């Protein structure tokens, strides 16, 4: 029993290139580089979805011309359509993946990252949704501001003051996200703090991320 108990407390093993098992240390909080790389991979998923949505819209443009004209008649309606068809699906993609047993989107899993609660357990789905919602809030605010610029996108005119304030808020939020990710000891962004989450990565005793040793 003693040997079995000690074995259970040993750090997980990763295979070295030579074929020998290499022990991994306890998971560490992921910093700027792996998290931005993971998001870049996930952006490919978002881009594929956006291209597919654009193709469907073009195919449906003639049969549904009247409906599309009505849906896109005002800045508010265009903003609502963009939220329902683009922003909300992306939020749900992140929330459903990070709040599931997978504990991460495709990009995070490729980089060996996982989103957890602060005690290392699976993040509840509701908190994963809050995390994703706050994460993409600057994107939605930017959409709202763009759609309310008179004449945008073909002949934009001077925007109202609140639009300028909105864009300023977007940049302030993005800066705060990156600043806390880069410079806080926990690497926890504002949306991590609101959701009670953190992003972990497995690191080998050599100091190398475990996913880089996969063969």
N, C-alpha and C. Protein backbone atom coordinates (compact mmCIF):
# COMPACT_ATOMS: atom_id res chain seq x y z
N UNK A 1 0.83 -1.20 0.00
CA UNK A 1 0.00 0.00 0.00
C UNK A 1 0.86 1.25 0.00
N UNK A 2 1.99 1.17 0.75
CA UNK A 2 2.86 2.35 0.80
C UNK A 2 3.40 2.69 -0.56
N UNK A 3 3.84 1.65 -1.33
CA UNK A 3 4.37 1.91 -2.66
C UNK A 3 3.29 2.45 -3.58
N UNK A 4 2.07 1.89 -3.41
CA UNK A 4 0.97 2.35 -4.25
C UNK A 4 0.62 3.79 -3.94
N UNK A 5 0.58 4.14 -2.67
CA UNK A 5 0.25 5.51 -2.29
C UNK A 5 1.28 6.49 -2.78
N UNK A 6 2.58 6.12 -2.67
CA UNK A 6 3.61 7.04 -3.15
C UNK A 6 3.56 7.18 -4.65
N UNK A 7 3.17 6.10 -5.35
CA UNK A 7 3.07 6.19 -6.81
C UNK A 7 1.99 7.15 -7.23
N UNK A 8 0.90 7.20 -6.45
CA UNK A 8 -0.19 8.09 -6.80
C UNK A 8 0.19 9.55 -6.66
N UNK A 9 1.18 9.85 -5.85
CA UNK A 9 1.57 11.24 -5.63
C UNK A 9 2.69 11.67 -6.56
N UNK A 10 3.21 10.74 -7.38
CA UNK A 10 4.28 11.10 -8.29
C UNK A 10 3.76 12.01 -9.39
N UNK A 11 4.58 12.96 -9.88
CA UNK A 11 4.12 13.82 -10.97
C UNK A 11 3.91 13.01 -12.23
N UNK A 12 3.02 13.46 -13.12
CA UNK A 12 2.76 12.74 -14.36
C UNK A 12 4.01 12.64 -15.20
N UNK A 13 4.07 11.62 -16.06
CA UNK A 13 5.24 11.37 -16.87
C UNK A 13 4.97 11.78 -18.31
N UNK A 14 6.00 12.26 -18.98
CA UNK A 14 5.94 12.58 -20.40
C UNK A 14 7.09 11.87 -21.09
N UNK A 15 6.90 11.43 -22.32
CA UNK A 15 7.93 10.67 -23.00
C UNK A 15 8.99 11.57 -23.58
N UNK A 16 10.25 11.32 -23.25
CA UNK A 16 11.39 12.02 -23.80
C UNK A 16 11.59 11.56 -25.23
N UNK A 17 12.30 12.33 -26.05
CA UNK A 17 12.55 11.96 -27.43
C UNK A 17 13.29 10.63 -27.53
N UNK A 18 14.10 10.30 -26.52
CA UNK A 18 14.84 9.04 -26.52
C UNK A 18 13.94 7.86 -26.20
N UNK A 19 12.70 8.12 -25.78
CA UNK A 19 11.80 7.04 -25.40
C UNK A 19 11.70 6.85 -23.91
N UNK A 20 12.56 7.51 -23.13
CA UNK A 20 12.50 7.38 -21.69
C UNK A 20 11.41 8.29 -21.14
N UNK A 21 10.67 7.82 -20.12
CA UNK A 21 9.66 8.70 -19.52
C UNK A 21 10.33 9.86 -18.79
N UNK A 22 9.75 11.03 -18.93
CA UNK A 22 10.31 12.22 -18.30
C UNK A 22 9.26 12.81 -17.36
N UNK A 23 9.58 12.97 -16.08
CA UNK A 23 8.58 13.46 -15.13
C UNK A 23 8.23 14.91 -15.38
N UNK A 24 6.97 15.24 -15.14
CA UNK A 24 6.51 16.62 -15.27
C UNK A 24 6.22 17.19 -13.89
N UNK A 25 6.49 18.46 -13.74
CA UNK A 25 6.21 19.12 -12.48
C UNK A 25 4.72 19.42 -12.39
N UNK A 26 4.30 20.00 -11.27
CA UNK A 26 2.91 20.39 -11.11
C UNK A 26 2.55 21.43 -12.16
N UNK A 27 1.29 21.46 -12.61
CA UNK A 27 0.89 22.46 -13.61
C UNK A 27 1.20 23.88 -13.13
N UNK A 28 1.61 24.70 -14.07
CA UNK A 28 1.91 26.10 -13.78
C UNK A 28 0.93 27.00 -14.52
N UNK A 29 0.75 28.21 -14.02
CA UNK A 29 -0.12 29.17 -14.70
C UNK A 29 0.51 29.58 -16.03
N UNK A 30 -0.27 29.52 -17.08
CA UNK A 30 0.23 29.85 -18.41
C UNK A 30 0.37 31.36 -18.57
N UNK A 31 1.47 31.77 -19.17
CA UNK A 31 1.74 33.19 -19.37
C UNK A 31 1.30 33.69 -20.73
N UNK A 32 1.91 34.80 -21.15
CA UNK A 32 1.47 35.50 -22.35
C UNK A 32 1.64 34.65 -23.60
N UNK A 33 2.84 34.11 -23.82
CA UNK A 33 3.15 33.46 -25.09
C UNK A 33 2.23 32.27 -25.38
N UNK A 34 2.11 31.28 -24.49
CA UNK A 34 1.25 30.15 -24.83
C UNK A 34 -0.22 30.53 -24.97
N UNK A 35 -0.67 31.49 -24.20
CA UNK A 35 -2.08 31.86 -24.29
C UNK A 35 -2.39 32.61 -25.58
N UNK A 36 -1.47 33.47 -26.02
CA UNK A 36 -1.68 34.17 -27.28
C UNK A 36 -1.56 33.21 -28.46
N UNK A 37 -0.64 32.25 -28.38
CA UNK A 37 -0.53 31.25 -29.44
C UNK A 37 -1.79 30.40 -29.52
N UNK A 38 -2.33 30.04 -28.36
CA UNK A 38 -3.57 29.25 -28.34
C UNK A 38 -4.71 30.05 -28.96
N UNK A 39 -4.78 31.35 -28.65
CA UNK A 39 -5.84 32.17 -29.22
C UNK A 39 -5.66 32.31 -30.73
N UNK A 40 -4.41 32.38 -31.19
CA UNK A 40 -4.16 32.45 -32.63
C UNK A 40 -4.69 31.21 -33.33
N UNK A 41 -4.52 30.04 -32.72
CA UNK A 41 -5.06 28.81 -33.30
C UNK A 41 -6.58 28.84 -33.29
N UNK A 42 -7.16 29.30 -32.19
CA UNK A 42 -8.62 29.39 -32.12
C UNK A 42 -9.16 30.42 -33.12
N UNK A 43 -8.36 31.43 -33.43
CA UNK A 43 -8.80 32.42 -34.41
C UNK A 43 -8.98 31.78 -35.78
N UNK A 44 -8.21 30.71 -36.06
CA UNK A 44 -8.40 29.98 -37.31
C UNK A 44 -9.80 29.35 -37.35
N UNK A 45 -10.24 28.82 -36.21
CA UNK A 45 -11.59 28.25 -36.12
C UNK A 45 -12.62 29.35 -36.36
N UNK A 46 -12.42 30.51 -35.73
CA UNK A 46 -13.35 31.63 -35.91
C UNK A 46 -13.38 32.08 -37.37
N UNK A 47 -12.19 32.13 -38.01
CA UNK A 47 -12.12 32.58 -39.40
C UNK A 47 -12.85 31.61 -40.33
N UNK A 48 -12.69 30.31 -40.10
CA UNK A 48 -13.40 29.31 -40.92
C UNK A 48 -14.90 29.49 -40.76
N UNK A 49 -15.36 29.68 -39.53
CA UNK A 49 -16.79 29.89 -39.29
C UNK A 49 -17.27 31.15 -40.01
N UNK A 50 -16.49 32.25 -39.91
CA UNK A 50 -16.89 33.51 -40.53
C UNK A 50 -16.97 33.37 -42.05
N UNK A 51 -16.02 32.65 -42.64
CA UNK A 51 -16.05 32.43 -44.09
C UNK A 51 -17.28 31.61 -44.49
N UNK A 52 -17.59 30.58 -43.70
CA UNK A 52 -18.78 29.79 -43.98
C UNK A 52 -20.05 30.62 -43.88
N UNK A 53 -20.12 31.48 -42.87
CA UNK A 53 -21.28 32.34 -42.68
C UNK A 53 -21.41 33.32 -43.85
N UNK A 54 -20.28 33.86 -44.31
CA UNK A 54 -20.30 34.78 -45.44
C UNK A 54 -20.78 34.08 -46.70
N UNK A 55 -20.34 32.82 -46.91
CA UNK A 55 -20.76 32.07 -48.09
C UNK A 55 -22.27 31.81 -48.07
N UNK A 56 -22.80 31.43 -46.91
CA UNK A 56 -24.24 31.19 -46.78
C UNK A 56 -25.02 32.48 -47.03
N UNK A 57 -24.50 33.59 -46.52
CA UNK A 57 -25.18 34.87 -46.71
C UNK A 57 -25.23 35.25 -48.19
N UNK A 58 -24.14 35.02 -48.91
CA UNK A 58 -24.11 35.34 -50.34
C UNK A 58 -25.08 34.46 -51.11
N UNK A 59 -25.14 33.18 -50.76
CA UNK A 59 -26.05 32.27 -51.45
C UNK A 59 -27.51 32.63 -51.18
N UNK A 60 -27.77 33.16 -49.98
CA UNK A 60 -29.15 33.49 -49.61
C UNK A 60 -29.52 34.93 -49.94
N UNK A 61 -28.59 35.69 -50.49
CA UNK A 61 -28.82 37.12 -50.71
C UNK A 61 -30.03 37.38 -51.60
N UNK A 62 -30.14 36.67 -52.73
CA UNK A 62 -31.26 36.91 -53.65
C UNK A 62 -32.58 36.36 -53.13
N UNK A 63 -32.63 35.08 -52.70
CA UNK A 63 -33.92 34.57 -52.20
C UNK A 63 -34.44 35.31 -50.97
N UNK A 64 -33.55 35.80 -50.15
CA UNK A 64 -33.97 36.43 -48.90
C UNK A 64 -33.68 37.92 -48.89
N UNK A 65 -33.67 38.52 -50.06
CA UNK A 65 -33.29 39.93 -50.15
C UNK A 65 -34.18 40.81 -49.27
N UNK A 66 -35.48 40.59 -49.31
CA UNK A 66 -36.40 41.41 -48.52
C UNK A 66 -36.15 41.27 -47.03
N UNK A 67 -35.97 40.03 -46.58
CA UNK A 67 -35.73 39.79 -45.16
C UNK A 67 -34.41 40.40 -44.71
N UNK A 68 -33.35 40.22 -45.52
CA UNK A 68 -32.05 40.77 -45.17
C UNK A 68 -32.09 42.30 -45.13
N UNK A 69 -32.81 42.89 -46.08
CA UNK A 69 -32.93 44.35 -46.09
C UNK A 69 -33.60 44.85 -44.82
N UNK A 70 -34.65 44.15 -44.39
CA UNK A 70 -35.35 44.55 -43.16
C UNK A 70 -34.46 44.36 -41.93
N UNK A 71 -33.72 43.23 -41.90
CA UNK A 71 -32.88 42.95 -40.73
C UNK A 71 -31.72 43.93 -40.60
N UNK A 72 -31.26 44.45 -41.75
CA UNK A 72 -30.09 45.33 -41.75
C UNK A 72 -30.46 46.78 -41.98
N UNK A 73 -31.69 47.16 -41.68
CA UNK A 73 -32.19 48.49 -42.00
C UNK A 73 -31.63 49.58 -41.10
N UNK A 74 -31.35 49.27 -39.86
CA UNK A 74 -30.90 50.30 -38.91
C UNK A 74 -29.59 49.87 -38.25
N UNK A 75 -28.84 50.81 -37.70
CA UNK A 75 -27.61 50.44 -36.98
C UNK A 75 -27.86 49.44 -35.85
N UNK A 76 -28.96 49.63 -35.12
CA UNK A 76 -29.26 48.73 -34.01
C UNK A 76 -29.55 47.32 -34.50
N UNK A 77 -30.29 47.20 -35.60
CA UNK A 77 -30.62 45.87 -36.12
C UNK A 77 -29.38 45.20 -36.70
N UNK A 78 -28.51 45.96 -37.36
CA UNK A 78 -27.27 45.38 -37.89
C UNK A 78 -26.39 44.90 -36.74
N UNK A 79 -26.36 45.66 -35.67
CA UNK A 79 -25.58 45.27 -34.50
C UNK A 79 -26.14 43.98 -33.89
N UNK A 80 -27.46 43.89 -33.82
CA UNK A 80 -28.10 42.69 -33.25
C UNK A 80 -27.82 41.47 -34.10
N UNK A 81 -27.90 41.62 -35.42
CA UNK A 81 -27.62 40.49 -36.32
C UNK A 81 -26.17 40.04 -36.17
N UNK A 82 -25.25 40.98 -36.09
CA UNK A 82 -23.84 40.63 -35.94
C UNK A 82 -23.60 39.90 -34.62
N UNK A 83 -24.29 40.33 -33.57
CA UNK A 83 -24.11 39.66 -32.27
C UNK A 83 -24.63 38.22 -32.32
N UNK A 84 -25.83 38.04 -32.87
CA UNK A 84 -26.46 36.71 -32.86
C UNK A 84 -25.72 35.75 -33.78
N UNK A 85 -25.23 36.23 -34.92
CA UNK A 85 -24.64 35.33 -35.91
C UNK A 85 -23.13 35.17 -35.78
N UNK A 86 -22.46 36.13 -35.14
CA UNK A 86 -20.99 36.07 -35.08
C UNK A 86 -20.48 36.03 -33.64
N UNK A 87 -20.80 37.04 -32.86
CA UNK A 87 -20.21 37.16 -31.53
C UNK A 87 -20.72 36.06 -30.59
N UNK A 88 -22.03 35.87 -30.55
CA UNK A 88 -22.59 34.87 -29.64
C UNK A 88 -22.09 33.45 -29.93
N UNK A 89 -22.04 33.00 -31.20
CA UNK A 89 -21.49 31.67 -31.45
C UNK A 89 -20.04 31.51 -30.98
N UNK A 90 -19.24 32.56 -31.12
CA UNK A 90 -17.85 32.49 -30.64
C UNK A 90 -17.82 32.38 -29.12
N UNK A 91 -18.65 33.18 -28.45
CA UNK A 91 -18.73 33.10 -26.98
C UNK A 91 -19.13 31.69 -26.55
N UNK A 92 -20.12 31.11 -27.22
CA UNK A 92 -20.57 29.77 -26.87
C UNK A 92 -19.51 28.72 -27.15
N UNK A 93 -18.76 28.89 -28.23
CA UNK A 93 -17.67 27.96 -28.54
C UNK A 93 -16.66 27.92 -27.40
N UNK A 94 -16.24 29.08 -26.93
CA UNK A 94 -15.27 29.14 -25.83
C UNK A 94 -15.88 28.62 -24.53
N UNK A 95 -17.11 29.04 -24.23
CA UNK A 95 -17.73 28.66 -22.96
C UNK A 95 -17.99 27.16 -22.88
N UNK A 96 -18.55 26.59 -23.95
CA UNK A 96 -18.90 25.17 -23.93
C UNK A 96 -17.65 24.28 -23.90
N UNK A 97 -16.58 24.72 -24.54
CA UNK A 97 -15.34 23.93 -24.52
C UNK A 97 -14.62 24.06 -23.17
N UNK A 98 -14.53 25.28 -22.67
CA UNK A 98 -13.77 25.50 -21.43
C UNK A 98 -14.56 25.07 -20.20
N UNK A 99 -15.88 25.01 -20.29
CA UNK A 99 -16.69 24.56 -19.18
C UNK A 99 -17.02 23.08 -19.24
N UNK A 100 -16.39 22.35 -20.16
CA UNK A 100 -16.63 20.92 -20.31
C UNK A 100 -15.46 20.14 -19.72
N UNK A 101 -15.53 18.82 -19.82
CA UNK A 101 -14.44 17.97 -19.33
C UNK A 101 -13.15 18.21 -20.11
N UNK A 102 -13.25 18.77 -21.30
CA UNK A 102 -12.05 19.07 -22.09
C UNK A 102 -11.25 20.23 -21.48
N UNK A 103 -11.95 21.12 -20.81
CA UNK A 103 -11.33 22.26 -20.11
C UNK A 103 -10.52 23.17 -21.03
N UNK A 104 -10.90 23.23 -22.28
CA UNK A 104 -10.17 24.13 -23.16
C UNK A 104 -10.66 24.03 -24.59
N UNK A 105 -10.50 25.10 -25.33
CA UNK A 105 -10.80 25.12 -26.75
C UNK A 105 -9.77 24.30 -27.50
N UNK A 106 -10.00 24.12 -28.80
CA UNK A 106 -9.06 23.38 -29.64
C UNK A 106 -7.66 23.98 -29.56
N UNK A 107 -7.58 25.30 -29.64
CA UNK A 107 -6.28 25.95 -29.58
C UNK A 107 -5.57 25.72 -28.26
N UNK A 108 -6.28 25.83 -27.17
CA UNK A 108 -5.67 25.59 -25.85
C UNK A 108 -5.21 24.15 -25.72
N UNK A 109 -6.02 23.21 -26.17
CA UNK A 109 -5.63 21.80 -26.05
C UNK A 109 -4.39 21.49 -26.88
N UNK A 110 -4.27 22.12 -28.05
CA UNK A 110 -3.07 21.91 -28.87
C UNK A 110 -1.83 22.41 -28.17
N UNK A 111 -1.97 23.43 -27.33
CA UNK A 111 -0.83 24.00 -26.60
C UNK A 111 -0.68 23.41 -25.21
N UNK A 112 -1.48 22.42 -24.87
CA UNK A 112 -1.38 21.79 -23.55
C UNK A 112 -1.91 22.65 -22.43
N UNK A 113 -2.85 23.54 -22.72
CA UNK A 113 -3.42 24.43 -21.70
C UNK A 113 -4.81 23.93 -21.30
N UNK A 114 -5.20 24.26 -20.08
CA UNK A 114 -6.57 23.97 -19.65
C UNK A 114 -7.05 25.05 -18.71
N UNK A 115 -8.33 25.37 -18.81
CA UNK A 115 -8.97 26.37 -17.97
C UNK A 115 -9.59 25.65 -16.78
N UNK A 116 -9.26 26.09 -15.58
CA UNK A 116 -9.77 25.43 -14.37
C UNK A 116 -10.30 26.47 -13.39
N UNK A 117 -11.03 25.98 -12.38
CA UNK A 117 -11.35 26.81 -11.23
C UNK A 117 -10.07 26.97 -10.41
N UNK A 118 -10.10 27.82 -9.41
CA UNK A 118 -8.89 28.12 -8.65
C UNK A 118 -8.38 26.92 -7.85
N UNK A 119 -9.25 25.95 -7.58
CA UNK A 119 -8.81 24.75 -6.87
C UNK A 119 -8.38 23.64 -7.82
N UNK A 120 -8.29 23.95 -9.11
CA UNK A 120 -7.86 22.97 -10.11
C UNK A 120 -8.96 22.12 -10.67
N UNK A 121 -10.19 22.29 -10.20
CA UNK A 121 -11.31 21.49 -10.68
C UNK A 121 -11.86 22.07 -11.98
N UNK A 122 -12.77 21.33 -12.60
CA UNK A 122 -13.42 21.79 -13.82
C UNK A 122 -14.22 23.06 -13.56
N UNK A 123 -14.07 24.04 -14.43
CA UNK A 123 -14.81 25.29 -14.29
C UNK A 123 -16.28 25.05 -14.63
N UNK A 124 -17.22 25.42 -13.74
CA UNK A 124 -18.65 25.23 -14.05
C UNK A 124 -19.04 25.99 -15.31
N UNK A 125 -20.02 25.46 -16.03
CA UNK A 125 -20.40 26.03 -17.31
C UNK A 125 -20.85 27.48 -17.18
N UNK A 126 -21.59 27.81 -16.12
CA UNK A 126 -22.04 29.19 -15.95
C UNK A 126 -20.88 30.16 -15.83
N UNK A 127 -19.87 29.78 -15.07
CA UNK A 127 -18.69 30.64 -14.91
C UNK A 127 -17.87 30.67 -16.20
N UNK A 128 -17.86 29.57 -16.94
CA UNK A 128 -17.16 29.57 -18.23
C UNK A 128 -17.85 30.53 -19.20
N UNK A 129 -19.19 30.61 -19.12
CA UNK A 129 -19.91 31.55 -19.97
C UNK A 129 -19.59 32.99 -19.59
N UNK A 130 -19.55 33.28 -18.30
CA UNK A 130 -19.18 34.62 -17.84
C UNK A 130 -17.78 34.97 -18.33
N UNK A 131 -16.87 34.02 -18.22
CA UNK A 131 -15.48 34.24 -18.66
C UNK A 131 -15.43 34.61 -20.14
N UNK A 132 -16.13 33.83 -20.97
CA UNK A 132 -16.11 34.09 -22.41
C UNK A 132 -16.83 35.39 -22.76
N UNK A 133 -17.94 35.67 -22.06
CA UNK A 133 -18.71 36.88 -22.33
C UNK A 133 -17.87 38.13 -22.07
N UNK A 134 -17.18 38.16 -20.92
CA UNK A 134 -16.36 39.32 -20.59
C UNK A 134 -15.13 39.39 -21.50
N UNK A 135 -14.60 38.23 -21.87
CA UNK A 135 -13.44 38.19 -22.76
C UNK A 135 -13.73 38.87 -24.09
N UNK A 136 -14.92 38.61 -24.63
CA UNK A 136 -15.26 39.15 -25.96
C UNK A 136 -16.12 40.41 -25.89
N UNK A 137 -16.32 40.96 -24.71
CA UNK A 137 -17.08 42.19 -24.58
C UNK A 137 -16.47 43.35 -25.38
N UNK A 138 -15.14 43.54 -25.38
CA UNK A 138 -14.59 44.62 -26.21
C UNK A 138 -14.92 44.46 -27.69
N UNK A 139 -14.94 43.23 -28.17
CA UNK A 139 -15.28 42.96 -29.58
C UNK A 139 -16.71 43.41 -29.87
N UNK A 140 -17.64 43.09 -28.97
CA UNK A 140 -19.03 43.48 -29.17
C UNK A 140 -19.20 45.00 -29.08
N UNK A 141 -18.51 45.63 -28.13
CA UNK A 141 -18.60 47.10 -28.02
C UNK A 141 -18.06 47.75 -29.29
N UNK A 142 -16.97 47.21 -29.83
CA UNK A 142 -16.41 47.75 -31.07
C UNK A 142 -17.40 47.62 -32.22
N UNK A 143 -18.09 46.48 -32.31
CA UNK A 143 -19.13 46.31 -33.33
C UNK A 143 -20.21 47.37 -33.19
N UNK A 144 -20.69 47.55 -31.96
CA UNK A 144 -21.75 48.53 -31.72
C UNK A 144 -21.32 49.93 -32.16
N UNK A 145 -20.09 50.28 -31.82
CA UNK A 145 -19.59 51.61 -32.20
C UNK A 145 -19.47 51.75 -33.72
N UNK A 146 -18.95 50.71 -34.39
CA UNK A 146 -18.79 50.77 -35.84
C UNK A 146 -20.14 50.96 -36.53
N UNK A 147 -21.13 50.19 -36.12
CA UNK A 147 -22.44 50.25 -36.78
C UNK A 147 -23.14 51.59 -36.56
N UNK A 148 -22.71 52.35 -35.57
CA UNK A 148 -23.33 53.65 -35.30
C UNK A 148 -22.51 54.83 -35.82
N UNK A 149 -21.49 54.54 -36.63
CA UNK A 149 -20.79 55.61 -37.35
C UNK A 149 -21.60 55.94 -38.60
N UNK A 150 -22.08 57.16 -38.77
CA UNK A 150 -22.91 57.51 -39.93
C UNK A 150 -22.18 57.18 -41.24
N UNK A 151 -22.87 56.47 -42.13
CA UNK A 151 -22.31 56.15 -43.44
C UNK A 151 -21.32 55.00 -43.46
N UNK A 152 -21.02 54.39 -42.31
CA UNK A 152 -20.05 53.29 -42.30
C UNK A 152 -20.64 52.06 -42.97
N UNK A 153 -19.90 51.31 -43.80
CA UNK A 153 -18.45 51.41 -44.04
C UNK A 153 -18.06 52.15 -45.32
N UNK A 154 -19.04 52.46 -46.20
CA UNK A 154 -18.70 53.00 -47.51
C UNK A 154 -18.35 54.48 -47.48
N UNK A 155 -19.08 55.26 -46.70
CA UNK A 155 -18.83 56.71 -46.66
C UNK A 155 -18.95 57.19 -45.22
N UNK A 156 -18.01 56.80 -44.37
CA UNK A 156 -18.13 57.17 -42.95
C UNK A 156 -18.00 58.66 -42.72
N UNK A 157 -18.85 59.17 -41.85
CA UNK A 157 -18.80 60.58 -41.45
C UNK A 157 -18.33 60.66 -40.01
N UNK A 158 -18.29 61.89 -39.49
CA UNK A 158 -17.83 62.08 -38.11
C UNK A 158 -18.76 61.34 -37.16
N UNK A 159 -18.21 60.49 -36.27
CA UNK A 159 -19.05 59.73 -35.35
C UNK A 159 -19.53 60.59 -34.19
N UNK A 160 -20.64 60.20 -33.56
CA UNK A 160 -21.07 60.91 -32.35
C UNK A 160 -20.08 60.70 -31.22
N UNK A 161 -20.15 61.56 -30.22
CA UNK A 161 -19.17 61.53 -29.13
C UNK A 161 -19.17 60.20 -28.40
N UNK A 162 -20.35 59.60 -28.21
CA UNK A 162 -20.40 58.36 -27.44
C UNK A 162 -19.67 57.22 -28.15
N UNK A 163 -19.63 57.28 -29.49
CA UNK A 163 -18.90 56.26 -30.25
C UNK A 163 -17.40 56.38 -29.98
N UNK A 164 -16.91 57.62 -29.94
CA UNK A 164 -15.49 57.84 -29.64
C UNK A 164 -15.17 57.35 -28.23
N UNK A 165 -16.05 57.64 -27.28
CA UNK A 165 -15.87 57.15 -25.91
C UNK A 165 -15.89 55.61 -25.90
N UNK A 166 -16.77 55.03 -26.69
CA UNK A 166 -16.86 53.57 -26.76
C UNK A 166 -15.58 52.94 -27.26
N UNK A 167 -15.01 53.51 -28.31
CA UNK A 167 -13.73 52.99 -28.82
C UNK A 167 -12.62 53.14 -27.78
N UNK A 168 -12.65 54.26 -27.05
CA UNK A 168 -11.67 54.43 -25.98
C UNK A 168 -11.81 53.36 -24.91
N UNK A 169 -13.07 53.01 -24.58
CA UNK A 169 -13.32 51.95 -23.61
C UNK A 169 -12.80 50.61 -24.11
N UNK A 170 -12.99 50.35 -25.40
CA UNK A 170 -12.49 49.10 -25.98
C UNK A 170 -10.99 48.98 -25.79
N UNK A 171 -10.25 50.04 -26.15
CA UNK A 171 -8.79 49.99 -26.02
C UNK A 171 -8.37 49.88 -24.56
N UNK A 172 -9.09 50.54 -23.66
CA UNK A 172 -8.77 50.45 -22.24
C UNK A 172 -8.97 49.02 -21.73
N UNK A 173 -10.04 48.37 -22.16
CA UNK A 173 -10.29 47.00 -21.73
C UNK A 173 -9.24 46.05 -22.29
N UNK A 174 -8.92 46.20 -23.57
CA UNK A 174 -7.92 45.32 -24.18
C UNK A 174 -6.56 45.51 -23.49
N UNK A 175 -6.21 46.76 -23.20
CA UNK A 175 -4.95 47.03 -22.51
C UNK A 175 -4.93 46.38 -21.13
N UNK A 176 -6.05 46.47 -20.41
CA UNK A 176 -6.09 45.88 -19.07
C UNK A 176 -5.99 44.36 -19.15
N UNK A 177 -6.62 43.76 -20.16
CA UNK A 177 -6.54 42.31 -20.34
C UNK A 177 -5.07 41.88 -20.54
N UNK A 178 -4.39 42.57 -21.48
CA UNK A 178 -3.02 42.20 -21.79
C UNK A 178 -2.06 42.53 -20.65
N UNK A 179 -2.29 43.66 -19.98
CA UNK A 179 -1.40 44.07 -18.89
C UNK A 179 -1.43 43.07 -17.74
N UNK A 180 -2.64 42.66 -17.32
CA UNK A 180 -2.73 41.69 -16.23
C UNK A 180 -2.21 40.33 -16.66
N UNK A 181 -2.44 39.95 -17.90
CA UNK A 181 -1.92 38.68 -18.39
C UNK A 181 -0.39 38.68 -18.38
N UNK A 182 0.19 39.80 -18.78
CA UNK A 182 1.64 39.86 -18.90
C UNK A 182 2.36 40.14 -17.59
N UNK A 183 1.80 40.99 -16.75
CA UNK A 183 2.56 41.51 -15.62
C UNK A 183 2.08 41.06 -14.24
N UNK A 184 0.89 40.48 -14.13
CA UNK A 184 0.48 39.98 -12.82
C UNK A 184 1.14 38.63 -12.57
N UNK A 185 1.44 38.34 -11.32
CA UNK A 185 2.11 37.09 -10.99
C UNK A 185 1.26 35.88 -11.33
N UNK A 186 -0.06 36.02 -11.23
CA UNK A 186 -0.95 34.90 -11.51
C UNK A 186 -1.30 34.77 -12.99
N UNK A 187 -0.95 35.80 -13.81
CA UNK A 187 -1.33 35.84 -15.23
C UNK A 187 -2.84 35.72 -15.42
N UNK A 188 -3.60 36.18 -14.44
CA UNK A 188 -5.05 36.11 -14.52
C UNK A 188 -5.61 37.43 -15.04
N UNK A 189 -6.33 37.35 -16.14
CA UNK A 189 -6.92 38.53 -16.76
C UNK A 189 -8.17 38.95 -15.97
N UNK A 190 -8.74 40.12 -16.30
CA UNK A 190 -9.98 40.52 -15.63
C UNK A 190 -11.10 39.48 -15.77
N UNK A 191 -11.20 38.84 -16.95
CA UNK A 191 -12.27 37.84 -17.10
C UNK A 191 -11.96 36.57 -16.32
N UNK A 192 -10.67 36.25 -16.10
CA UNK A 192 -10.33 35.14 -15.21
C UNK A 192 -10.75 35.46 -13.78
N UNK A 193 -10.50 36.69 -13.36
CA UNK A 193 -10.80 37.08 -11.98
C UNK A 193 -12.32 37.11 -11.75
N UNK A 194 -13.09 37.59 -12.71
CA UNK A 194 -14.53 37.63 -12.56
C UNK A 194 -15.13 36.22 -12.54
N UNK A 195 -14.54 35.31 -13.31
CA UNK A 195 -15.07 33.95 -13.40
C UNK A 195 -14.46 33.01 -12.36
N UNK A 196 -13.45 33.48 -11.62
CA UNK A 196 -12.78 32.62 -10.66
C UNK A 196 -12.05 31.49 -11.35
N UNK A 197 -11.33 31.82 -12.43
CA UNK A 197 -10.65 30.80 -13.22
C UNK A 197 -9.18 31.13 -13.37
N UNK A 198 -8.42 30.15 -13.85
CA UNK A 198 -7.04 30.35 -14.23
C UNK A 198 -6.71 29.38 -15.35
N UNK A 199 -5.64 29.66 -16.08
CA UNK A 199 -5.22 28.82 -17.20
C UNK A 199 -3.90 28.15 -16.83
N UNK A 200 -3.89 26.83 -16.85
CA UNK A 200 -2.73 26.06 -16.42
C UNK A 200 -2.08 25.36 -17.60
N UNK A 201 -0.77 25.11 -17.46
CA UNK A 201 -0.05 24.32 -18.45
C UNK A 201 0.89 23.37 -17.73
N UNK A 202 1.10 22.20 -18.32
CA UNK A 202 2.00 21.22 -17.74
C UNK A 202 3.42 21.54 -18.16
N UNK A 203 4.34 21.60 -17.20
CA UNK A 203 5.74 21.92 -17.48
C UNK A 203 6.61 20.78 -16.99
N UNK A 204 7.56 20.34 -17.83
CA UNK A 204 8.48 19.28 -17.44
C UNK A 204 9.48 19.80 -16.43
N UNK A 205 10.15 18.90 -15.74
CA UNK A 205 11.15 19.30 -14.76
C UNK A 205 12.31 20.03 -15.41
N UNK A 206 12.47 19.87 -16.73
CA UNK A 206 13.51 20.60 -17.46
C UNK A 206 13.11 22.05 -17.68
N UNK A 207 11.83 22.37 -17.37
CA UNK A 207 11.34 23.73 -17.59
C UNK A 207 10.68 23.91 -18.94
N UNK A 208 10.60 22.83 -19.74
CA UNK A 208 10.01 22.91 -21.06
C UNK A 208 8.55 22.53 -21.00
N UNK A 209 7.66 23.26 -21.72
CA UNK A 209 6.25 22.88 -21.74
C UNK A 209 6.10 21.43 -22.21
N UNK A 210 5.22 20.70 -21.56
CA UNK A 210 5.09 19.27 -21.84
C UNK A 210 4.69 19.00 -23.28
N UNK A 211 3.83 19.87 -23.88
CA UNK A 211 3.35 19.59 -25.22
C UNK A 211 4.48 19.64 -26.24
N UNK A 212 5.58 20.33 -25.95
CA UNK A 212 6.69 20.42 -26.88
C UNK A 212 7.51 19.14 -26.92
N UNK A 213 7.27 18.21 -25.96
CA UNK A 213 7.99 16.95 -25.93
C UNK A 213 7.20 15.82 -26.59
N UNK A 214 6.02 16.10 -27.08
CA UNK A 214 5.21 15.03 -27.63
C UNK A 214 5.87 14.47 -28.89
N UNK A 215 5.79 13.15 -29.02
CA UNK A 215 6.38 12.51 -30.19
C UNK A 215 5.34 11.63 -30.88
